Amino acid sequence: MTERYHLVREWSDINAASEPSGRDKQRVASILEGGRNCVVWLPTWLLDAEDKDIETVEASAHLAVGGAADYSEDAWEFTQSHRDGKGGYLPKASVVVFERGEGVEEIETPQRGLTSFGGESA
């Protein structure tokens, strides 16, 4: 595939991506843990393109859930089944695809690690 495709088995797989920002990376982990199999990060110019009809997730202007099929060397075919298959062809050089690894149910993120790091108070 490409360096803009990440098969996610653990947090380091998400964190290795050049995009999105840290906050959206946390959101990617949450979405994948919630049972979605694919999350795509899209730049603003692509979301604004007239030939694309892509809905982003709540609390993120750049993340979308759906299915990304390897259409060609240069493009993903992205569909959103919850929107009757709407989506479009996405240039592989411009988007980042996160696919949940088989059997992955939980992704331990740094944020979650800090909140679950407990100690006894004196």
PDB file of N, CA and C in Angstrom:
ATOM      1  N   MET A   1       0.848  -1.185   0.000  1.00  0.00           N
ATOM      2  CA  MET A   1       0.000   0.000   0.000  1.00  0.00           C
ATOM      3  C   MET A   1       0.895   1.252   0.000  1.00  0.00           C
ATOM      4  N   THR A   2       0.571   2.223   0.831  1.00  0.00           N
ATOM      5  CA  THR A   2       1.354   3.458   0.873  1.00  0.00           C
ATOM      6  C   THR A   2       1.634   3.828   2.316  1.00  0.00           C
ATOM      7  N   GLU A   3       2.512   4.820   2.506  1.00  0.00           N
ATOM      8  CA  GLU A   3       2.771   5.307   3.859  1.00  0.00           C
ATOM      9  C   GLU A   3       1.588   6.104   4.404  1.00  0.00           C
ATOM     10  N   ARG A   4       0.578   6.311   3.591  1.00  0.00           N
ATOM     11  CA  ARG A   4      -0.637   7.003   4.023  1.00  0.00           C
ATOM     12  C   ARG A   4      -1.767   6.022   4.303  1.00  0.00           C
ATOM     13  N   TYR A   5      -1.418   4.735   4.385  1.00  0.00           N
ATOM     14  CA  TYR A   5      -2.350   3.682   4.783  1.00  0.00           C
ATOM     15  C   TYR A   5      -1.797   3.046   6.053  1.00  0.00           C
ATOM     16  N   HIS A   6      -2.656   2.928   7.078  1.00  0.00           N
ATOM     17  CA  HIS A   6      -2.217   2.378   8.359  1.00  0.00           C
ATOM     18  C   HIS A   6      -3.167   1.280   8.815  1.00  0.00           C
ATOM     19  N   LEU A   7      -2.647   0.068   8.906  1.00  0.00           N
ATOM     20  CA  LEU A   7      -3.391  -1.037   9.495  1.00  0.00           C
ATOM     21  C   LEU A   7      -3.192  -0.910  10.999  1.00  0.00           C
ATOM     22  N   VAL A   8      -4.273  -0.670  11.735  1.00  0.00           N
ATOM     23  CA  VAL A   8      -4.189  -0.320  13.148  1.00  0.00           C
ATOM     24  C   VAL A   8      -4.386  -1.545  14.038  1.00  0.00           C
ATOM     25  N   ARG A   9      -3.339  -1.850  14.779  1.00  0.00           N
ATOM     26  CA  ARG A   9      -3.400  -2.907  15.785  1.00  0.00           C
ATOM     27  C   ARG A   9      -3.177  -2.324  17.183  1.00  0.00           C
ATOM     28  N   GLU A  10      -2.513  -1.160  17.211  1.00  0.00           N
ATOM     29  CA  GLU A  10      -2.215  -0.485  18.481  1.00  0.00           C
ATOM     30  C   GLU A  10      -1.993   0.999  18.218  1.00  0.00           C
ATOM     31  N   TRP A  11      -1.866   1.764  19.308  1.00  0.00           N
ATOM     32  CA  TRP A  11      -1.749   3.215  19.229  1.00  0.00           C
ATOM     33  C   TRP A  11      -0.595   3.665  18.335  1.00  0.00           C
ATOM     34  N   SER A  12       0.539   2.982  18.382  1.00  0.00           N
ATOM     35  CA  SER A  12       1.703   3.407  17.604  1.00  0.00           C
ATOM     36  C   SER A  12       1.403   3.415  16.100  1.00  0.00           C
ATOM     37  N   ASP A  13       0.476   2.564  15.652  1.00  0.00           N
ATOM     38  CA  ASP A  13       0.097   2.551  14.238  1.00  0.00           C
ATOM     39  C   ASP A  13      -0.623   3.841  13.841  1.00  0.00           C
ATOM     40  N   ILE A  14      -1.428   4.368  14.731  1.00  0.00           N
ATOM     41  CA  ILE A  14      -2.118   5.640  14.484  1.00  0.00           C
ATOM     42  C   ILE A  14      -1.142   6.795  14.637  1.00  0.00           C
ATOM     43  N   ASN A  15      -0.349   6.760  15.680  1.00  0.00           N
ATOM     44  CA  ASN A  15       0.572   7.846  15.992  1.00  0.00           C
ATOM     45  C   ASN A  15       1.636   8.025  14.916  1.00  0.00           C
ATOM     46  N   ALA A  16       1.935   6.992  14.151  1.00  0.00           N
ATOM     47  CA  ALA A  16       2.947   7.059  13.100  1.00  0.00           C
ATOM     48  C   ALA A  16       2.503   7.902  11.902  1.00  0.00           C
ATOM     49  N   ALA A  17       1.219   8.162  11.796  1.00  0.00           N
ATOM     50  CA  ALA A  17       0.690   8.916  10.654  1.00  0.00           C
ATOM     51  C   ALA A  17       1.089  10.386  10.720  1.00  0.00           C
ATOM     52  N   SER A  18       1.381  10.961   9.560  1.00  0.00           N
ATOM     53  CA  SER A  18       1.733  12.386   9.508  1.00  0.00           C
ATOM     54  C   SER A  18       0.520  13.272   9.753  1.00  0.00           C
ATOM     55  N   GLU A  19      -0.624  12.820   9.369  1.00  0.00           N
ATOM     56  CA  GLU A  19      -1.895  13.491   9.625  1.00  0.00           C
ATOM     57  C   GLU A  19      -2.790  12.438  10.242  1.00  0.00           C
ATOM     58  N   PRO A  20      -3.725  12.780  11.038  1.00  0.00           N
ATOM     59  CA  PRO A  20      -4.187  14.078  11.505  1.00  0.00           C
ATOM     60  C   PRO A  20      -3.411  14.556  12.735  1.00  0.00           C
ATOM     61  N   SER A  21      -3.934  15.615  13.346  1.00  0.00           N
ATOM     62  CA  SER A  21      -3.356  16.168  14.566  1.00  0.00           C
ATOM     63  C   SER A  21      -3.552  15.187  15.721  1.00  0.00           C
ATOM     64  N   GLY A  22      -2.913  15.468  16.836  1.00  0.00           N
ATOM     65  CA  GLY A  22      -3.016  14.595  18.009  1.00  0.00           C
ATOM     66  C   GLY A  22      -4.439  14.383  18.486  1.00  0.00           C
ATOM     67  N   ARG A  23      -5.222  15.433  18.507  1.00  0.00           N
ATOM     68  CA  ARG A  23      -6.611  15.324  18.971  1.00  0.00           C
ATOM     69  C   ARG A  23      -7.425  14.414  18.051  1.00  0.00           C
ATOM     70  N   ASP A  24      -7.246  14.579  16.754  1.00  0.00           N
ATOM     71  CA  ASP A  24      -7.967  13.733  15.808  1.00  0.00           C
ATOM     72  C   ASP A  24      -7.436  12.298  15.824  1.00  0.00           C
ATOM     73  N   LYS A  25      -6.172  12.113  16.162  1.00  0.00           N
ATOM     74  CA  LYS A  25      -5.642  10.748  16.289  1.00  0.00           C
ATOM     75  C   LYS A  25      -6.357  10.025  17.432  1.00  0.00           C
ATOM     76  N   GLN A  26      -6.604  10.730  18.525  1.00  0.00           N
ATOM     77  CA  GLN A  26      -7.370  10.148  19.627  1.00  0.00           C
ATOM     78  C   GLN A  26      -8.771   9.770  19.147  1.00  0.00           C
ATOM     79  N   ARG A  27      -9.359  10.620  18.322  1.00  0.00           N
ATOM     80  CA  ARG A  27     -10.701  10.363  17.786  1.00  0.00           C
ATOM     81  C   ARG A  27     -10.683   9.129  16.879  1.00  0.00           C
ATOM     82  N   VAL A  28      -9.627   8.964  16.068  1.00  0.00           N
ATOM     83  CA  VAL A  28      -9.497   7.775  15.216  1.00  0.00           C
ATOM     84  C   VAL A  28      -9.530   6.519  16.076  1.00  0.00           C
ATOM     85  N   ALA A  29      -8.763   6.528  17.158  1.00  0.00           N
ATOM     86  CA  ALA A  29      -8.731   5.366  18.058  1.00  0.00           C
ATOM     87  C   ALA A  29     -10.125   5.078  18.619  1.00  0.00           C
ATOM     88  N   SER A  30     -10.830   6.110  19.048  1.00  0.00           N
ATOM     89  CA  SER A  30     -12.176   5.939  19.607  1.00  0.00           C
ATOM     90  C   SER A  30     -13.150   5.369  18.577  1.00  0.00           C
ATOM     91  N   ILE A  31     -13.069   5.864  17.355  1.00  0.00           N
ATOM     92  CA  ILE A  31     -13.971   5.395  16.296  1.00  0.00           C
ATOM     93  C   ILE A  31     -13.705   3.926  15.985  1.00  0.00           C
ATOM     94  N   LEU A  32     -12.436   3.556  15.867  1.00  0.00           N
ATOM     95  CA  LEU A  32     -12.100   2.162  15.571  1.00  0.00           C
ATOM     96  C   LEU A  32     -12.508   1.246  16.721  1.00  0.00           C
ATOM     97  N   GLU A  33     -12.319   1.700  17.960  1.00  0.00           N
ATOM     98  CA  GLU A  33     -12.756   0.916  19.119  1.00  0.00           C
ATOM     99  C   GLU A  33     -14.273   0.752  19.143  1.00  0.00           C
ATOM    100  N   GLY A  34     -14.969   1.730  18.603  1.00  0.00           N
ATOM    101  CA  GLY A  34     -16.424   1.697  18.575  1.00  0.00           C
ATOM    102  C   GLY A  34     -16.983   0.725  17.544  1.00  0.00           C
ATOM    103  N   GLY A  35     -16.121   0.050  16.819  1.00  0.00           N
ATOM    104  CA  GLY A  35     -16.578  -0.969  15.886  1.00  0.00           C
ATOM    105  C   GLY A  35     -16.482  -0.616  14.411  1.00  0.00           C
ATOM    106  N   ARG A  36     -16.109   0.608  14.100  1.00  0.00           N
ATOM    107  CA  ARG A  36     -15.935   0.973  12.687  1.00  0.00           C
ATOM    108  C   ARG A  36     -14.632   0.350  12.181  1.00  0.00           C
ATOM    109  N   ASN A  37     -14.619  -0.028  10.923  1.00  0.00           N
ATOM    110  CA  ASN A  37     -13.439  -0.678  10.359  1.00  0.00           C
ATOM    111  C   ASN A  37     -12.497   0.257   9.628  1.00  0.00           C
ATOM    112  N   CYS A  38     -12.990   1.434   9.249  1.00  0.00           N
ATOM    113  CA  CYS A  38     -12.157   2.332   8.449  1.00  0.00           C
ATOM    114  C   CYS A  38     -12.478   3.787   8.777  1.00  0.00           C
ATOM    115  N   VAL A  39     -11.410   4.557   8.973  1.00  0.00           N
ATOM    116  CA  VAL A  39     -11.513   6.002   9.174  1.00  0.00           C
ATOM    117  C   VAL A  39     -10.550   6.647   8.185  1.00  0.00           C
ATOM    118  N   VAL A  40     -11.003   7.709   7.527  1.00  0.00           N
ATOM    119  CA  VAL A  40     -10.166   8.413   6.558  1.00  0.00           C
ATOM    120  C   VAL A  40     -10.026   9.866   6.976  1.00  0.00           C
ATOM    121  N   TRP A  41      -8.781  10.362   6.964  1.00  0.00           N
ATOM    122  CA  TRP A  41      -8.511  11.786   7.185  1.00  0.00           C
ATOM    123  C   TRP A  41      -8.442  12.441   5.819  1.00  0.00           C
ATOM    124  N   LEU A  42      -9.192  13.553   5.652  1.00  0.00           N
ATOM    125  CA  LEU A  42      -9.233  14.267   4.377  1.00  0.00           C
ATOM    126  C   LEU A  42      -8.871  15.736   4.595  1.00  0.00           C
ATOM    127  N   PRO A  43      -8.083  16.329   3.683  1.00  0.00           N
ATOM    128  CA  PRO A  43      -7.783  17.762   3.776  1.00  0.00           C
ATOM    129  C   PRO A  43      -9.010  18.590   3.385  1.00  0.00           C
ATOM    130  N   THR A  44      -9.035  19.823   3.826  1.00  0.00           N
ATOM    131  CA  THR A  44     -10.168  20.716   3.575  1.00  0.00           C
ATOM    132  C   THR A  44     -10.477  20.852   2.091  1.00  0.00           C
ATOM    133  N   TRP A  45      -9.461  21.038   1.256  1.00  0.00           N
ATOM    134  CA  TRP A  45      -9.711  21.258  -0.172  1.00  0.00           C
ATOM    135  C   TRP A  45     -10.452  20.073  -0.803  1.00  0.00           C
ATOM    136  N   LEU A  46     -10.195  18.883  -0.303  1.00  0.00           N
ATOM    137  CA  LEU A  46     -10.862  17.709  -0.857  1.00  0.00           C
ATOM    138  C   LEU A  46     -12.309  17.615  -0.359  1.00  0.00           C
ATOM    139  N   LEU A  47     -12.524  17.978   0.900  1.00  0.00           N
ATOM    140  CA  LEU A  47     -13.893  17.992   1.436  1.00  0.00           C
ATOM    141  C   LEU A  47     -14.758  19.040   0.739  1.00  0.00           C
ATOM    142  N   ASP A  48     -14.123  20.128   0.289  1.00  0.00           N
ATOM    143  CA  ASP A  48     -14.843  21.206  -0.385  1.00  0.00           C
ATOM    144  C   ASP A  48     -15.060  20.960  -1.878  1.00  0.00           C
ATOM    145  N   ALA A  49     -14.458  19.914  -2.415  1.00  0.00           N
ATOM    146  CA  ALA A  49     -14.571  19.637  -3.852  1.00  0.00           C
ATOM    147  C   ALA A  49     -16.027  19.332  -4.220  1.00  0.00           C
ATOM    148  N   GLU A  50     -16.481  19.900  -5.327  1.00  0.00           N
ATOM    149  CA  GLU A  50     -17.874  19.747  -5.752  1.00  0.00           C
ATOM    150  C   GLU A  50     -18.229  18.320  -6.135  1.00  0.00           C
ATOM    151  N   ASP A  51     -17.246  17.525  -6.561  1.00  0.00           N
ATOM    152  CA  ASP A  51     -17.542  16.163  -6.997  1.00  0.00           C
ATOM    153  C   ASP A  51     -17.480  15.144  -5.852  1.00  0.00           C
ATOM    154  N   LYS A  52     -17.296  15.626  -4.626  1.00  0.00           N
ATOM    155  CA  LYS A  52     -17.258  14.738  -3.458  1.00  0.00           C
ATOM    156  C   LYS A  52     -18.461  15.014  -2.566  1.00  0.00           C
ATOM    157  N   ASP A  53     -19.032  13.971  -2.021  1.00  0.00           N
ATOM    158  CA  ASP A  53     -20.148  14.100  -1.087  1.00  0.00           C
ATOM    159  C   ASP A  53     -19.805  13.227   0.119  1.00  0.00           C
ATOM    160  N   ILE A  54     -19.002  13.792   1.009  1.00  0.00           N
ATOM    161  CA  ILE A  54     -18.478  13.036   2.144  1.00  0.00           C
ATOM    162  C   ILE A  54     -18.872  13.723   3.437  1.00  0.00           C
ATOM    163  N   GLU A  55     -19.427  12.944   4.343  1.00  0.00           N
ATOM    164  CA  GLU A  55     -19.844  13.446   5.653  1.00  0.00           C
ATOM    165  C   GLU A  55     -18.756  13.125   6.671  1.00  0.00           C
ATOM    166  N   THR A  56     -18.337  14.142   7.424  1.00  0.00           N
ATOM    167  CA  THR A  56     -17.334  13.926   8.465  1.00  0.00           C
ATOM    168  C   THR A  56     -18.011  13.546   9.785  1.00  0.00           C
ATOM    169  N   VAL A  57     -17.219  13.016  10.693  1.00  0.00           N
ATOM    170  CA  VAL A  57     -17.752  12.575  11.979  1.00  0.00           C
ATOM    171  C   VAL A  57     -17.934  13.758  12.914  1.00  0.00           C
ATOM    172  N   GLU A  58     -18.757  13.545  13.920  1.00  0.00           N
ATOM    173  CA  GLU A  58     -18.972  14.566  14.933  1.00  0.00           C
ATOM    174  C   GLU A  58     -17.648  14.849  15.639  1.00  0.00           C
ATOM    175  N   ALA A  59     -17.394  16.092  15.937  1.00  0.00           N
ATOM    176  CA  ALA A  59     -16.208  16.556  16.662  1.00  0.00           C
ATOM    177  C   ALA A  59     -14.921  16.502  15.841  1.00  0.00           C
ATOM    178  N   SER A  60     -15.023  16.375  14.531  1.00  0.00           N
ATOM    179  CA  SER A  60     -13.843  16.447  13.672  1.00  0.00           C
ATOM    180  C   SER A  60     -14.246  16.897  12.280  1.00  0.00           C
ATOM    181  N   ALA A  61     -13.592  17.931  11.808  1.00  0.00           N
ATOM    182  CA  ALA A  61     -13.905  18.455  10.484  1.00  0.00           C
ATOM    183  C   ALA A  61     -13.184  17.708   9.372  1.00  0.00           C
ATOM    184  N   HIS A  62     -12.285  16.772   9.718  1.00  0.00           N
ATOM    185  CA  HIS A  62     -11.473  16.122   8.696  1.00  0.00           C
ATOM    186  C   HIS A  62     -11.545  14.596   8.685  1.00  0.00           C
ATOM    187  N   LEU A  63     -12.272  13.990   9.611  1.00  0.00           N
ATOM    188  CA  LEU A  63     -12.352  12.529   9.661  1.00  0.00           C
ATOM    189  C   LEU A  63     -13.699  12.039   9.159  1.00  0.00           C
ATOM    190  N   ALA A  64     -13.667  10.984   8.364  1.00  0.00           N
ATOM    191  CA  ALA A  64     -14.889  10.378   7.841  1.00  0.00           C
ATOM    192  C   ALA A  64     -14.808   8.865   8.021  1.00  0.00           C
ATOM    193  N   VAL A  65     -15.950   8.247   8.277  1.00  0.00           N
ATOM    194  CA  VAL A  65     -16.002   6.789   8.379  1.00  0.00           C
ATOM    195  C   VAL A  65     -16.682   6.235   7.133  1.00  0.00           C
ATOM    196  N   GLY A  66     -16.249   5.048   6.751  1.00  0.00           N
ATOM    197  CA  GLY A  66     -16.815   4.409   5.575  1.00  0.00           C
ATOM    198  C   GLY A  66     -15.945   3.247   5.170  1.00  0.00           C
ATOM    199  N   GLY A  67     -15.956   2.942   3.904  1.00  0.00           N
ATOM    200  CA  GLY A  67     -15.143   1.869   3.368  1.00  0.00           C
ATOM    201  C   GLY A  67     -14.207   2.414   2.311  1.00  0.00           C
ATOM    202  N   ALA A  68     -12.945   2.001   2.359  1.00  0.00           N
ATOM    203  CA  ALA A  68     -11.969   2.432   1.366  1.00  0.00           C
ATOM    204  C   ALA A  68     -11.434   1.201   0.640  1.00  0.00           C
ATOM    205  N   ALA A  69     -11.773   1.090  -0.627  1.00  0.00           N
ATOM    206  CA  ALA A  69     -11.299  -0.024  -1.447  1.00  0.00           C
ATOM    207  C   ALA A  69     -10.160   0.462  -2.326  1.00  0.00           C
ATOM    208  N   ASP A  70      -9.173  -0.391  -2.517  1.00  0.00           N
ATOM    209  CA  ASP A  70      -8.017  -0.069  -3.345  1.00  0.00           C
ATOM    210  C   ASP A  70      -8.454  -0.055  -4.809  1.00  0.00           C
ATOM    211  N   TYR A  71      -8.796   1.118  -5.323  1.00  0.00           N
ATOM    212  CA  TYR A  71      -9.359   1.251  -6.663  1.00  0.00           C
ATOM    213  C   TYR A  71      -8.271   1.194  -7.746  1.00  0.00           C
ATOM    214  N   SER A  72      -7.195   1.941  -7.517  1.00  0.00           N
ATOM    215  CA  SER A  72      -6.093   1.966  -8.473  1.00  0.00           C
ATOM    216  C   SER A  72      -4.816   2.327  -7.732  1.00  0.00           C
ATOM    217  N   GLU A  73      -3.739   2.429  -8.461  1.00  0.00           N
ATOM    218  CA  GLU A  73      -2.454   2.797  -7.856  1.00  0.00           C
ATOM    219  C   GLU A  73      -2.521   4.177  -7.207  1.00  0.00           C
ATOM    220  N   ASP A  74      -3.390   5.041  -7.724  1.00  0.00           N
ATOM    221  CA  ASP A  74      -3.448   6.428  -7.271  1.00  0.00           C
ATOM    222  C   ASP A  74      -4.698   6.814  -6.500  1.00  0.00           C
ATOM    223  N   ALA A  75      -5.696   5.919  -6.411  1.00  0.00           N
ATOM    224  CA  ALA A  75      -6.973   6.330  -5.806  1.00  0.00           C
ATOM    225  C   ALA A  75      -7.610   5.236  -4.955  1.00  0.00           C
ATOM    226  N   TRP A  76      -8.317   5.710  -3.912  1.00  0.00           N
ATOM    227  CA  TRP A  76      -9.196   4.862  -3.107  1.00  0.00           C
ATOM    228  C   TRP A  76     -10.612   5.103  -3.584  1.00  0.00           C
ATOM    229  N   GLU A  77     -11.432   4.070  -3.563  1.00  0.00           N
ATOM    230  CA  GLU A  77     -12.860   4.255  -3.770  1.00  0.00           C
ATOM    231  C   GLU A  77     -13.481   4.280  -2.382  1.00  0.00           C
ATOM    232  N   PHE A  78     -13.978   5.439  -1.974  1.00  0.00           N
ATOM    233  CA  PHE A  78     -14.497   5.630  -0.625  1.00  0.00           C
ATOM    234  C   PHE A  78     -16.011   5.688  -0.662  1.00  0.00           C
ATOM    235  N   THR A  79     -16.660   4.846   0.155  1.00  0.00           N
ATOM    236  CA  THR A  79     -18.122   4.848   0.229  1.00  0.00           C
ATOM    237  C   THR A  79     -18.556   4.906   1.693  1.00  0.00           C
ATOM    238  N   GLN A  80     -19.681   5.535   1.907  1.00  0.00           N
ATOM    239  CA  GLN A  80     -20.258   5.627   3.244  1.00  0.00           C
ATOM    240  C   GLN A  80     -21.601   4.904   3.223  1.00  0.00           C
ATOM    241  N   SER A  81     -21.585   3.641   3.664  1.00  0.00           N
ATOM    242  CA  SER A  81     -22.784   2.812   3.596  1.00  0.00           C
ATOM    243  C   SER A  81     -23.934   3.392   4.409  1.00  0.00           C
ATOM    244  N   HIS A  82     -23.624   4.111   5.493  1.00  0.00           N
ATOM    245  CA  HIS A  82     -24.680   4.730   6.295  1.00  0.00           C
ATOM    246  C   HIS A  82     -25.324   5.915   5.575  1.00  0.00           C
ATOM    247  N   ARG A  83     -24.786   6.260   4.402  1.00  0.00           N
ATOM    248  CA  ARG A  83     -25.344   7.335   3.583  1.00  0.00           C
ATOM    249  C   ARG A  83     -25.668   6.822   2.178  1.00  0.00           C
ATOM    250  N   ASP A  84     -26.125   5.592   2.105  1.00  0.00           N
ATOM    251  CA  ASP A  84     -26.503   4.969   0.828  1.00  0.00           C
ATOM    252  C   ASP A  84     -25.347   4.927  -0.174  1.00  0.00           C
ATOM    253  N   GLY A  85     -24.137   4.716   0.332  1.00  0.00           N
ATOM    254  CA  GLY A  85     -22.984   4.542  -0.543  1.00  0.00           C
ATOM    255  C   GLY A  85     -22.360   5.808  -1.078  1.00  0.00           C
ATOM    256  N   LYS A  86     -22.785   6.974  -0.582  1.00  0.00           N
ATOM    257  CA  LYS A  86     -22.194   8.224  -1.067  1.00  0.00           C
ATOM    258  C   LYS A  86     -20.715   8.250  -0.705  1.00  0.00           C
ATOM    259  N   GLY A  87     -19.954   9.044  -1.419  1.00  0.00           N
ATOM    260  CA  GLY A  87     -18.516   9.163  -1.186  1.00  0.00           C
ATOM    261  C   GLY A  87     -17.831   9.687  -2.423  1.00  0.00           C
ATOM    262  N   GLY A  88     -16.844   8.950  -2.915  1.00  0.00           N
ATOM    263  CA  GLY A  88     -16.136   9.373  -4.117  1.00  0.00           C
ATOM    264  C   GLY A  88     -14.768   8.737  -4.180  1.00  0.00           C
ATOM    265  N   TYR A  89     -14.046   9.056  -5.238  1.00  0.00           N
ATOM    266  CA  TYR A  89     -12.686   8.560  -5.408  1.00  0.00           C
ATOM    267  C   TYR A  89     -11.743   9.554  -4.745  1.00  0.00           C
ATOM    268  N   LEU A  90     -10.831   9.041  -3.934  1.00  0.00           N
ATOM    269  CA  LEU A  90      -9.929   9.890  -3.168  1.00  0.00           C
ATOM    270  C   LEU A  90      -8.485   9.637  -3.577  1.00  0.00           C
ATOM    271  N   PRO A  91      -7.716  10.704  -3.831  1.00  0.00           N
ATOM    272  CA  PRO A  91      -6.314  10.524  -4.211  1.00  0.00           C
ATOM    273  C   PRO A  91      -5.490   9.993  -3.026  1.00  0.00           C
ATOM    274  N   LYS A  92      -4.787   8.904  -3.249  1.00  0.00           N
ATOM    275  CA  LYS A  92      -3.996   8.284  -2.182  1.00  0.00           C
ATOM    276  C   LYS A  92      -2.925   9.228  -1.637  1.00  0.00           C
ATOM    277  N   ALA A  93      -2.439  10.136  -2.458  1.00  0.00           N
ATOM    278  CA  ALA A  93      -1.395  11.058  -2.026  1.00  0.00           C
ATOM    279  C   ALA A  93      -1.912  12.152  -1.100  1.00  0.00           C
ATOM    280  N   SER A  94      -3.243  12.290  -0.990  1.00  0.00           N
ATOM    281  CA  SER A  94      -3.807  13.406  -0.229  1.00  0.00           C
ATOM    282  C   SER A  94      -4.563  13.012   1.032  1.00  0.00           C
ATOM    283  N   VAL A  95      -4.912  11.747   1.178  1.00  0.00           N
ATOM    284  CA  VAL A  95      -5.694  11.312   2.336  1.00  0.00           C
ATOM    285  C   VAL A  95      -4.885  10.300   3.149  1.00  0.00           C
ATOM    286  N   VAL A  96      -5.340  10.063   4.381  1.00  0.00           N
ATOM    287  CA  VAL A  96      -4.734   9.042   5.231  1.00  0.00           C
ATOM    288  C   VAL A  96      -5.831   8.066   5.630  1.00  0.00           C
ATOM    289  N   VAL A  97      -5.593   6.779   5.382  1.00  0.00           N
ATOM    290  CA  VAL A  97      -6.574   5.733   5.668  1.00  0.00           C
ATOM    291  C   VAL A  97      -6.115   4.927   6.875  1.00  0.00           C
ATOM    292  N   PHE A  98      -7.023   4.758   7.837  1.00  0.00           N
ATOM    293  CA  PHE A  98      -6.781   3.926   9.016  1.00  0.00           C
ATOM    294  C   PHE A  98      -7.760   2.762   8.968  1.00  0.00           C
ATOM    295  N   GLU A  99      -7.240   1.547   8.936  1.00  0.00           N
ATOM    296  CA  GLU A  99      -8.091   0.361   8.909  1.00  0.00           C
ATOM    297  C   GLU A  99      -7.839  -0.452  10.175  1.00  0.00           C
ATOM    298  N   ARG A 100      -8.917  -0.817  10.847  1.00  0.00           N
ATOM    299  CA  ARG A 100      -8.808  -1.589  12.089  1.00  0.00           C
ATOM    300  C   ARG A 100      -8.321  -2.992  11.774  1.00  0.00           C
ATOM    301  N   GLY A 101      -7.294  -3.420  12.490  1.00  0.00           N
ATOM    302  CA  GLY A 101      -6.776  -4.763  12.315  1.00  0.00           C
ATOM    303  C   GLY A 101      -7.765  -5.804  12.805  1.00  0.00           C
ATOM    304  N   GLU A 102      -7.702  -6.990  12.220  1.00  0.00           N
ATOM    305  CA  GLU A 102      -8.606  -8.072  12.601  1.00  0.00           C
ATOM    306  C   GLU A 102      -8.429  -8.411  14.079  1.00  0.00           C
ATOM    307  N   GLY A 103      -9.542  -8.497  14.786  1.00  0.00           N
ATOM    308  CA  GLY A 103      -9.529  -8.863  16.196  1.00  0.00           C
ATOM    309  C   GLY A 103      -9.231  -7.722  17.163  1.00  0.00           C
ATOM    310  N   VAL A 104      -8.959  -6.531  16.650  1.00  0.00           N
ATOM    311  CA  VAL A 104      -8.654  -5.390  17.515  1.00  0.00           C
ATOM    312  C   VAL A 104      -9.954  -4.857  18.107  1.00  0.00           C
ATOM    313  N   GLU A 105     -10.019  -4.839  19.427  1.00  0.00           N
ATOM    314  CA  GLU A 105     -11.199  -4.326  20.110  1.00  0.00           C
ATOM    315  C   GLU A 105     -10.882  -3.109  20.961  1.00  0.00           C
ATOM    316  N   GLU A 106      -9.634  -2.994  21.393  1.00  0.00           N
ATOM    317  CA  GLU A 106      -9.238  -1.871  22.245  1.00  0.00           C
ATOM    318  C   GLU A 106      -7.892  -1.338  21.790  1.00  0.00           C
ATOM    319  N   ILE A 107      -7.773  -0.009  21.812  1.00  0.00           N
ATOM    320  CA  ILE A 107      -6.518   0.653  21.463  1.00  0.00           C
ATOM    321  C   ILE A 107      -6.132   1.518  22.644  1.00  0.00           C
ATOM    322  N   GLU A 108      -5.077   1.146  23.312  1.00  0.00           N
ATOM    323  CA  GLU A 108      -4.605   1.878  24.498  1.00  0.00           C
ATOM    324  C   GLU A 108      -3.915   3.153  24.037  1.00  0.00           C
ATOM    325  N   THR A 109      -4.543   4.293  24.290  1.00  0.00           N
ATOM    326  CA  THR A 109      -3.980   5.580  23.886  1.00  0.00           C
ATOM    327  C   THR A 109      -3.255   6.219  25.057  1.00  0.00           C
ATOM    328  N   PRO A 110      -2.337   7.142  24.791  1.00  0.00           N
ATOM    329  CA  PRO A 110      -1.647   7.836  25.893  1.00  0.00           C
ATOM    330  C   PRO A 110      -2.624   8.532  26.832  1.00  0.00           C
ATOM    331  N   GLN A 111      -3.672   9.129  26.282  1.00  0.00           N
ATOM    332  CA  GLN A 111      -4.657   9.824  27.107  1.00  0.00           C
ATOM    333  C   GLN A 111      -5.351   8.847  28.047  1.00  0.00           C
ATOM    334  N   ARG A 112      -5.764   7.699  27.535  1.00  0.00           N
ATOM    335  CA  ARG A 112      -6.423   6.698  28.360  1.00  0.00           C
ATOM    336  C   ARG A 112      -5.435   6.139  29.400  1.00  0.00           C
ATOM    337  N   GLY A 113      -4.207   5.962  28.980  1.00  0.00           N
ATOM    338  CA  GLY A 113      -3.195   5.449  29.897  1.00  0.00           C
ATOM    339  C   GLY A 113      -3.016   6.351  31.101  1.00  0.00           C
ATOM    340  N   LEU A 114      -3.042   7.665  30.899  1.00  0.00           N
ATOM    341  CA  LEU A 114      -2.875   8.574  32.023  1.00  0.00           C
ATOM    342  C   LEU A 114      -4.070   8.535  32.975  1.00  0.00           C
ATOM    343  N   THR A 115      -5.264   8.415  32.405  1.00  0.00           N
ATOM    344  CA  THR A 115      -6.440   8.414  33.282  1.00  0.00           C
ATOM    345  C   THR A 115      -6.583   7.093  34.023  1.00  0.00           C
ATOM    346  N   SER A 116      -6.046   6.024  33.450  1.00  0.00           N
ATOM    347  CA  SER A 116      -6.163   4.744  34.142  1.00  0.00           C
ATOM    348  C   SER A 116      -4.956   4.474  35.033  1.00  0.00           C
ATOM    349  N   PHE A 117      -3.954   5.367  35.000  1.00  0.00           N
ATOM    350  CA  PHE A 117      -2.791   5.219  35.859  1.00  0.00           C
ATOM    351  C   PHE A 117      -3.180   5.697  37.246  1.00  0.00           C
ATOM    352  N   GLY A 118      -3.450   4.762  38.097  1.00  0.00           N
ATOM    353  CA  GLY A 118      -3.938   5.118  39.431  1.00  0.00           C
ATOM    354  C   GLY A 118      -2.899   4.841  40.501  1.00  0.00           C
ATOM    355  N   GLY A 119      -3.098   5.471  41.563  1.00  0.00           N
ATOM    356  CA  GLY A 119      -2.237   5.268  42.708  1.00  0.00           C
ATOM    357  C   GLY A 119      -3.067   5.499  43.961  1.00  0.00           C
ATOM    358  N   GLU A 120      -2.548   5.032  45.009  1.00  0.00           N
ATOM    359  CA  GLU A 120      -3.271   5.258  46.260  1.00  0.00           C
ATOM    360  C   GLU A 120      -2.907   6.625  46.797  1.00  0.00           C
ATOM    361  N   SER A 121      -3.908   7.359  47.229  1.00  0.00           N
ATOM    362  CA  SER A 121      -3.645   8.664  47.789  1.00  0.00           C
ATOM    363  C   SER A 121      -3.361   8.536  49.271  1.00  0.00           C
ATOM    364  N   ALA A 122      -2.517   9.409  49.743  1.00  0.00           N
ATOM    365  CA  ALA A 122      -2.125   9.369  51.145  1.00  0.00           C
ATOM    366  C   ALA A 122      -3.117  10.083  52.032  1.00  0.00           C
TER     367      ALA A 122
END
